[in-house]
Amino acid sequence: MADKVTFGDVHRLLTRFDFVQVPVEGKHVLFEHKSSNTLVAFRPHRTTERVDPMTLAAVRKTLVDNGFLEREAFPEALQEARAGRKTKDKRK
């Protein structure tokens, strides 16, 4: 599954749970969920760049461990995020 997941998909997934991308200095992309004090950091990615399995596992662990969703619900939530791609993104 991870070989088909883009950083844009991960961004949409995090946004669904009210994470907001916050500006930071340096070479990182940071998403924050203020009310739960949860942070997720990534190296910079292009929106259409595929994420590696470790990155995807870290996102899943963060969402599950912080109570945003059950482990079994992650694949469906990810699929919904992937379904939100623009038509142009689907061709890549």
Foldseek 3Di string as FASTA:
>chain_A
DQQQAFVQLVVLLVVVLVWDWDDDPDQWIWTADPVLRDIDIDGDDDRLHGDDPVSVVVSLCSCCVSPVDPSVCVVVSSVVSVVPDDPVSVVD
